Amino acid sequence: MPDYALMNQCIYEGKAKEVEQLTIAALAEGKTAQEILSDGLIAGMSVVGEDFKHNILYVPEVLISARAMKAGMAVLKPLLSAKGAVDTSAGRLLMGTVRGDLHDIGKNLVCMMAEGAGFQVKDIGVDQSIEKFEAATVDFKPDIIGMSALLTTTMTYMKVVIDGFDKPGRDHIKMAIGGAPISQMFADEIGADGYGSDASSAVDLFLWFVGKGPQPKAVARRGVTAPAAQTTTAAVQRAPGSKAKYQILYWQDIPSQVKAWDDFDEVKLDLPHRFADRIDAEAQRLGLAQGDNYLNQLRWGDELERVGLPGEVAAAIRTELENAAP
């Protein structure tokens, strides 16, 4: 019998090869592609999404989990798309970054998490005009169109796209927007059907649009500090000179996140936005901003240790990385 709990755990831990092998093994045991998709892959990514929403996981870890989920999807896709296969998709999602904007790492994360929630996703990329959104709609016939923007100078183009779809025959398509400068107020002003403050919230919004989830509550934009539950390590009595282990997550050679842990607690800290901006710019320059090309550049550094509580060690390493960065 397939061990879906193990598959879920491997997705959570980002073990792509193990997920692929477990998917193949489940098929060999006679399980349907739909069952494996639902109980193995989607169930695993749903846990990742919940932990991301509650600041237990951070963007780099979610990307690594999404890569593991996609390893299983690659095995199932030929079967799911075969003639006569049952369509278990939550819906059809068309995603793109609007005209003039070349940023797409956030959009890529939304696409991956939406696939993990059971959506069929078409990503048309960056710098997309109203004409390109319309052409993709004719071909793909989406239930939802999601738009991303990172620049205040490009976010206004979202209204052009929304107005372009406000016509008979297209007014059934839900329009969702997101990105660093976007807010619920702006979404209301331009007539969008919804706004996602982060990737997990966006997927909750999509599920609500297609009648597969409750109406999401408004949430604050995610920060870079550890949640309160992760800052209570001092309450545990440790021996003098106790050490915490730590690792740094890199995109190529650019640091992105620090995690530190001991036998009692674990703390994860994202580096400031300027590090993400450097990664984004380098990914665009090298042509590695899309999907697996981007994910394959992520790696954890060596496991090291330092005297101190996990929160202290993580904060110290983050400060050192900030000071050392040009």
Protein backbone atom coordinates (compact mmCIF):
# COMPACT_ATOMS: atom_id res chain seq x y z
CA MET A 1 0.00 0.00 0.00
CA PRO A 2 1.42 3.42 -0.93
CA ASP A 3 2.83 5.40 1.98
CA TYR A 4 1.19 8.74 1.27
CA ALA A 5 2.27 10.08 4.66
CA LEU A 6 5.90 9.50 3.66
CA MET A 7 5.26 11.16 0.30
CA ASN A 8 3.74 14.15 2.08
CA GLN A 9 6.79 14.36 4.35
CA CYS A 10 9.21 14.13 1.43
CA ILE A 11 7.41 16.97 -0.32
CA TYR A 12 7.58 19.02 2.87
CA GLU A 13 11.33 18.37 3.13
CA GLY A 14 11.92 19.04 -0.57
CA LYS A 15 13.17 15.53 -1.43
CA ALA A 16 12.41 15.51 -5.15
CA LYS A 17 14.04 12.17 -6.01
CA GLU A 18 12.20 10.36 -3.21
CA VAL A 19 8.85 11.87 -4.29
CA GLU A 20 9.46 10.71 -7.85
CA GLN A 21 10.30 7.17 -6.67
CA LEU A 22 7.28 7.00 -4.34
CA THR A 23 5.01 8.17 -7.17
CA ILE A 24 6.35 5.47 -9.49
CA ALA A 25 5.96 2.85 -6.75
CA ALA A 26 2.34 3.87 -6.09
CA LEU A 27 1.52 3.52 -9.78
CA ALA A 28 3.20 0.09 -9.80
CA GLU A 29 0.86 -0.97 -6.99
CA GLY A 30 -2.11 -0.14 -9.18
CA LYS A 31 -3.15 3.17 -7.65
CA THR A 32 -4.72 5.70 -10.00
CA ALA A 33 -2.96 8.89 -10.99
CA GLN A 34 -5.88 10.86 -9.56
CA GLU A 35 -5.56 9.21 -6.14
CA ILE A 36 -1.80 9.77 -6.02
CA LEU A 37 -2.26 13.38 -7.08
CA SER A 38 -4.88 14.03 -4.41
CA ASP A 39 -3.62 11.99 -1.44
CA GLY A 40 0.10 12.29 -2.14
CA LEU A 41 1.05 15.47 -3.96
CA ILE A 42 -1.76 17.93 -3.28
CA ALA A 43 -2.08 16.83 0.35
CA GLY A 44 1.66 17.35 0.84
CA MET A 45 1.70 20.82 -0.68
CA SER A 46 -1.36 21.86 1.33
CA VAL A 47 0.64 21.39 4.53
CA VAL A 48 3.47 23.42 3.04
CA GLY A 49 1.00 26.18 2.16
CA GLU A 50 -0.43 26.29 5.66
CA ASP A 51 3.01 26.47 7.26
CA PHE A 52 4.03 29.20 4.83
CA LYS A 53 0.94 31.16 5.76
CA HIS A 54 1.84 30.95 9.47
CA ASN A 55 5.52 31.87 9.00
CA ILE A 56 6.76 28.36 9.82
CA LEU A 57 8.17 27.99 6.30
CA TYR A 58 9.62 30.76 4.17
CA VAL A 59 9.72 31.42 0.43
CA PRO A 60 12.95 29.47 -0.38
CA GLU A 61 11.71 26.38 1.48
CA VAL A 62 8.35 26.52 -0.29
CA LEU A 63 10.13 26.72 -3.64
CA ILE A 64 12.16 23.62 -2.78
CA SER A 65 8.99 21.78 -1.69
CA ALA A 66 7.30 22.83 -4.93
CA ARG A 67 10.20 21.38 -6.90
CA ALA A 68 9.70 18.06 -5.10
CA MET A 69 5.98 18.13 -5.84
CA LYS A 70 6.70 18.82 -9.51
CA ALA A 71 8.95 15.73 -9.64
CA GLY A 72 5.89 13.63 -8.82
CA MET A 73 3.71 15.64 -11.19
CA ALA A 74 6.12 14.91 -14.05
CA VAL A 75 5.41 11.19 -13.55
CA LEU A 76 1.65 11.66 -13.39
CA LYS A 77 1.10 14.24 -16.13
CA PRO A 78 1.12 11.82 -19.09
CA LEU A 79 -1.53 9.75 -17.31
CA LEU A 80 -3.62 12.71 -16.19
CA SER A 81 -3.65 14.15 -19.70
CA ALA A 82 -4.35 10.83 -21.41
CA LYS A 83 -7.60 10.42 -23.27
CA GLY A 84 -10.38 9.44 -20.93
CA ALA A 85 -8.54 10.48 -17.76
CA VAL A 86 -10.68 12.07 -15.10
CA ASP A 87 -10.02 15.79 -14.68
CA THR A 88 -9.58 16.50 -10.98
CA SER A 89 -8.36 20.04 -11.49
CA ALA A 90 -9.57 22.68 -9.07
CA GLY A 91 -9.83 25.08 -11.98
CA ARG A 92 -7.86 26.81 -14.73
CA LEU A 93 -5.52 29.65 -13.79
CA LEU A 94 -3.80 32.01 -16.23
CA MET A 95 -0.86 33.92 -14.68
CA GLY A 96 1.33 36.73 -15.98
CA THR A 97 3.36 39.76 -14.93
CA VAL A 98 1.96 42.92 -16.53
CA ARG A 99 3.51 45.01 -19.30
CA GLY A 100 6.75 46.79 -18.46
CA ASP A 101 7.57 44.57 -15.48
CA LEU A 102 10.19 41.80 -15.72
CA HIS A 103 9.87 40.44 -12.17
CA ASP A 104 8.44 36.95 -11.86
CA ILE A 105 9.84 35.10 -8.85
CA GLY A 106 6.72 35.83 -6.79
CA LYS A 107 4.52 34.86 -9.73
CA ASN A 108 6.44 31.62 -10.14
CA LEU A 109 5.82 30.77 -6.50
CA VAL A 110 2.07 31.39 -6.89
CA CYS A 111 2.01 29.14 -9.96
CA MET A 112 3.78 26.31 -8.17
CA MET A 113 1.56 26.50 -5.10
CA ALA A 114 -1.57 26.71 -7.28
CA GLU A 115 -0.48 23.55 -9.11
CA GLY A 116 0.01 21.95 -5.71
CA ALA A 117 -3.59 22.86 -4.86
CA GLY A 118 -4.88 21.12 -7.99
CA PHE A 119 -5.16 23.98 -10.49
CA GLN A 120 -4.23 23.70 -14.14
CA VAL A 121 -1.86 26.62 -14.58
CA LYS A 122 -0.70 28.48 -17.68
CA ASP A 123 2.11 30.93 -17.01
CA ILE A 124 2.55 33.40 -19.87
CA GLY A 125 5.59 35.05 -18.29
CA VAL A 126 6.61 38.67 -17.81
CA ASP A 127 5.94 41.96 -19.63
CA GLN A 128 2.49 40.86 -20.82
CA SER A 129 0.14 43.24 -22.62
CA ILE A 130 -3.66 43.13 -22.66
CA GLU A 131 -3.44 41.60 -26.15
CA LYS A 132 -1.30 38.73 -24.85
CA PHE A 133 -3.65 38.08 -21.94
CA GLU A 134 -6.57 38.03 -24.39
CA ALA A 135 -4.81 35.66 -26.80
CA ALA A 136 -3.91 33.27 -23.98
CA THR A 137 -7.51 33.37 -22.76
CA VAL A 138 -8.85 32.29 -26.14
CA ASP A 139 -6.50 29.31 -26.13
CA PHE A 140 -6.57 28.33 -22.43
CA LYS A 141 -10.09 29.38 -21.34
CA PRO A 142 -9.20 30.20 -17.72
CA ASP A 143 -11.53 30.50 -14.76
CA ILE A 144 -9.14 32.96 -13.11
CA ILE A 145 -6.55 35.43 -14.35
CA GLY A 146 -3.80 36.36 -11.91
CA MET A 147 -1.59 39.40 -12.48
CA SER A 148 1.64 40.34 -10.74
CA ALA A 149 3.62 43.59 -10.54
CA LEU A 150 6.58 44.64 -8.45
CA LEU A 151 6.91 48.24 -9.65
CA THR A 152 4.60 51.14 -8.87
CA THR A 153 5.11 52.31 -12.44
CA THR A 154 3.65 49.08 -13.87
CA MET A 155 0.92 48.25 -11.36
CA THR A 156 -1.49 50.72 -13.00
CA TYR A 157 -1.49 48.53 -16.14
CA MET A 158 -3.49 45.97 -14.19
CA LYS A 159 -6.55 48.19 -14.63
CA VAL A 160 -6.04 48.13 -18.41
CA VAL A 161 -6.26 44.35 -18.37
CA ILE A 162 -9.24 44.30 -16.00
CA ASP A 163 -11.12 46.84 -18.12
CA GLY A 164 -10.30 44.84 -21.24
CA PHE A 165 -12.03 41.78 -19.78
CA ASP A 166 -15.10 43.69 -18.62
CA LYS A 167 -17.22 42.66 -21.59
CA PRO A 168 -19.83 39.99 -22.39
CA GLY A 169 -18.34 36.54 -22.74
CA ARG A 170 -15.42 37.32 -20.44
CA ASP A 171 -17.01 38.85 -17.37
CA HIS A 172 -17.23 35.39 -15.74
CA ILE A 173 -13.42 35.26 -15.39
CA LYS A 174 -12.23 36.24 -11.93
CA MET A 175 -9.39 38.78 -11.85
CA ALA A 176 -6.83 38.56 -9.04
CA ILE A 177 -3.79 40.76 -8.44
CA GLY A 178 -0.72 40.74 -6.21
CA GLY A 179 2.82 41.99 -5.78
CA ALA A 180 4.93 44.11 -3.45
CA PRO A 181 3.22 47.50 -4.09
CA ILE A 182 -0.31 46.08 -4.30
CA SER A 183 -2.92 46.43 -1.56
CA GLN A 184 -6.56 45.56 -1.04
CA MET A 185 -7.39 49.23 -1.45
CA PHE A 186 -5.75 49.31 -4.88
CA ALA A 187 -7.55 46.10 -5.86
CA ASP A 188 -10.86 47.70 -4.94
CA GLU A 189 -10.01 50.88 -6.82
CA ILE A 190 -9.32 49.13 -10.13
CA GLY A 191 -12.16 46.63 -9.90
CA ALA A 192 -10.18 43.44 -9.26
CA ASP A 193 -12.13 40.52 -7.82
CA GLY A 194 -9.46 39.80 -5.22
CA TYR A 195 -5.97 40.47 -3.87
CA GLY A 196 -3.39 38.04 -2.50
CA SER A 197 -0.86 39.44 -0.03
CA ASP A 198 1.37 36.38 -0.53
CA ALA A 199 1.39 33.14 -2.50
CA SER A 200 -0.53 31.11 0.07
CA SER A 201 -3.23 33.77 0.42
CA ALA A 202 -3.49 33.96 -3.37
CA VAL A 203 -4.16 30.21 -3.61
CA ASP A 204 -6.79 30.47 -0.86
CA LEU A 205 -8.41 33.22 -2.94
CA PHE A 206 -8.35 31.07 -6.09
CA LEU A 207 -9.97 28.14 -4.25
CA TRP A 208 -12.72 30.44 -2.99
CA PHE A 209 -13.30 31.71 -6.53
CA VAL A 210 -13.99 28.16 -7.78
CA GLY A 211 -16.12 27.16 -4.78
CA LYS A 212 -13.56 24.86 -3.19
CA GLY A 213 -12.69 26.88 -0.09
CA PRO A 214 -13.99 29.49 2.34
CA GLN A 215 -13.70 33.20 1.70
CA PRO A 216 -10.16 34.11 2.81
CA LYS A 217 -9.64 36.63 5.58
CA ALA A 218 -7.56 39.73 5.00
CA VAL A 219 -4.00 39.20 6.23
CA ALA A 220 -1.06 41.52 6.72
CA ARG A 221 1.88 41.39 4.34
CA ARG A 222 4.57 38.98 5.46
CA GLY A 223 7.63 40.35 7.20
CA VAL A 224 11.16 39.06 7.60
CA THR A 225 11.30 38.52 11.35
CA ALA A 226 10.78 35.24 13.14
CA PRO A 227 7.32 34.66 14.63
CA ALA A 228 6.84 35.02 18.36
CA ALA A 229 6.74 31.24 18.85
CA GLN A 230 10.29 31.06 17.53
CA THR A 231 11.73 33.73 19.85
CA THR A 232 11.04 31.98 23.16
CA THR A 233 14.20 29.88 23.21
CA ALA A 234 15.56 31.73 26.25
CA ALA A 235 12.84 30.18 28.42
CA VAL A 236 14.53 26.76 28.10
CA GLN A 237 17.43 26.17 30.49
CA ARG A 238 20.63 25.29 28.64
CA ALA A 239 24.12 24.58 29.84
CA PRO A 240 26.57 27.51 29.72
CA GLY A 241 28.29 27.69 26.36
CA SER A 242 25.58 25.73 24.57
CA LYS A 243 25.81 25.82 20.80
CA ALA A 244 23.26 26.09 18.02
CA LYS A 245 23.71 24.66 14.56
CA TYR A 246 23.02 26.87 11.54
CA GLN A 247 22.86 26.87 7.75
CA ILE A 248 22.57 29.56 5.09
CA LEU A 249 20.36 29.11 2.02
CA TYR A 250 21.92 30.46 -1.17
CA TRP A 251 20.66 31.23 -4.66
CA GLN A 252 23.89 30.51 -6.48
CA ASP A 253 26.25 32.52 -4.24
CA ILE A 254 23.71 35.07 -2.99
CA PRO A 255 22.40 34.36 0.54
CA SER A 256 18.64 34.29 1.01
CA GLN A 257 17.80 32.84 4.42
CA VAL A 258 19.40 31.75 7.70
CA LYS A 259 18.15 28.94 9.92
CA ALA A 260 19.52 27.97 13.33
CA TRP A 261 18.45 25.19 15.67
CA ASP A 262 19.27 23.09 18.71
CA ASP A 263 17.50 20.27 20.53
CA PHE A 264 14.79 22.63 21.75
CA ASP A 265 13.94 25.09 18.98
CA GLU A 266 14.52 26.28 15.42
CA VAL A 267 14.56 29.83 14.08
CA LYS A 268 14.45 30.93 10.43
CA LEU A 269 15.12 34.46 9.25
CA ASP A 270 14.77 35.83 5.73
CA LEU A 271 17.41 38.35 4.71
CA PRO A 272 16.25 41.91 3.85
CA HIS A 273 14.49 42.62 0.56
CA ARG A 274 17.66 43.92 -1.10
CA PHE A 275 18.98 40.33 -1.16
CA ALA A 276 15.82 39.14 -2.91
CA ASP A 277 16.17 42.05 -5.36
CA ARG A 278 19.77 40.98 -6.12
CA ILE A 279 18.63 37.40 -6.70
CA ASP A 280 15.80 38.59 -8.93
CA ALA A 281 18.11 40.81 -11.00
CA GLU A 282 20.73 38.07 -11.37
CA ALA A 283 18.08 35.49 -12.33
CA GLN A 284 16.76 37.83 -15.00
CA ARG A 285 20.27 38.61 -16.28
CA LEU A 286 21.18 34.93 -16.60
CA GLY A 287 17.80 33.86 -17.98
CA LEU A 288 17.16 31.62 -14.95
CA ALA A 289 14.01 33.25 -13.55
CA GLN A 290 11.59 30.61 -14.81
CA GLY A 291 10.47 27.52 -12.88
CA ASP A 292 13.06 24.78 -12.47
CA ASN A 293 15.83 26.97 -13.86
CA TYR A 294 15.38 29.18 -10.82
CA LEU A 295 14.84 26.38 -8.32
CA ASN A 296 17.94 24.50 -9.39
CA GLN A 297 20.11 27.38 -8.21
CA LEU A 298 19.00 27.05 -4.57
CA ARG A 299 21.32 25.20 -2.19
CA TRP A 300 21.92 24.98 1.54
CA GLY A 301 25.40 25.83 2.75
CA ASP A 302 27.42 23.64 5.10
CA GLU A 303 25.99 22.83 8.52
CA LEU A 304 27.98 24.83 11.08
CA GLU A 305 27.59 25.69 14.75
CA ARG A 306 28.17 28.63 17.07
CA VAL A 307 27.76 29.35 20.76
CA GLY A 308 24.37 30.88 21.55
CA LEU A 309 20.62 30.31 21.37
CA PRO A 310 19.15 29.64 17.93
CA GLY A 311 17.54 33.09 17.79
CA GLU A 312 20.78 34.79 18.77
CA VAL A 313 22.84 32.79 16.29
CA ALA A 314 20.40 33.35 13.41
CA ALA A 315 20.26 37.10 14.12
CA ALA A 316 24.04 37.35 14.35
CA ILE A 317 24.59 35.50 11.08
CA ARG A 318 21.99 37.64 9.33
CA THR A 319 23.70 40.82 10.57
CA GLU A 320 27.08 39.55 9.39
CA LEU A 321 25.68 38.76 5.94
CA GLU A 322 24.06 42.20 5.72
CA ASN A 323 27.30 43.93 6.67
CA ALA A 324 29.36 41.86 4.25
CA ALA A 325 27.05 42.45 1.27
CA PRO A 326 28.06 45.19 -1.17
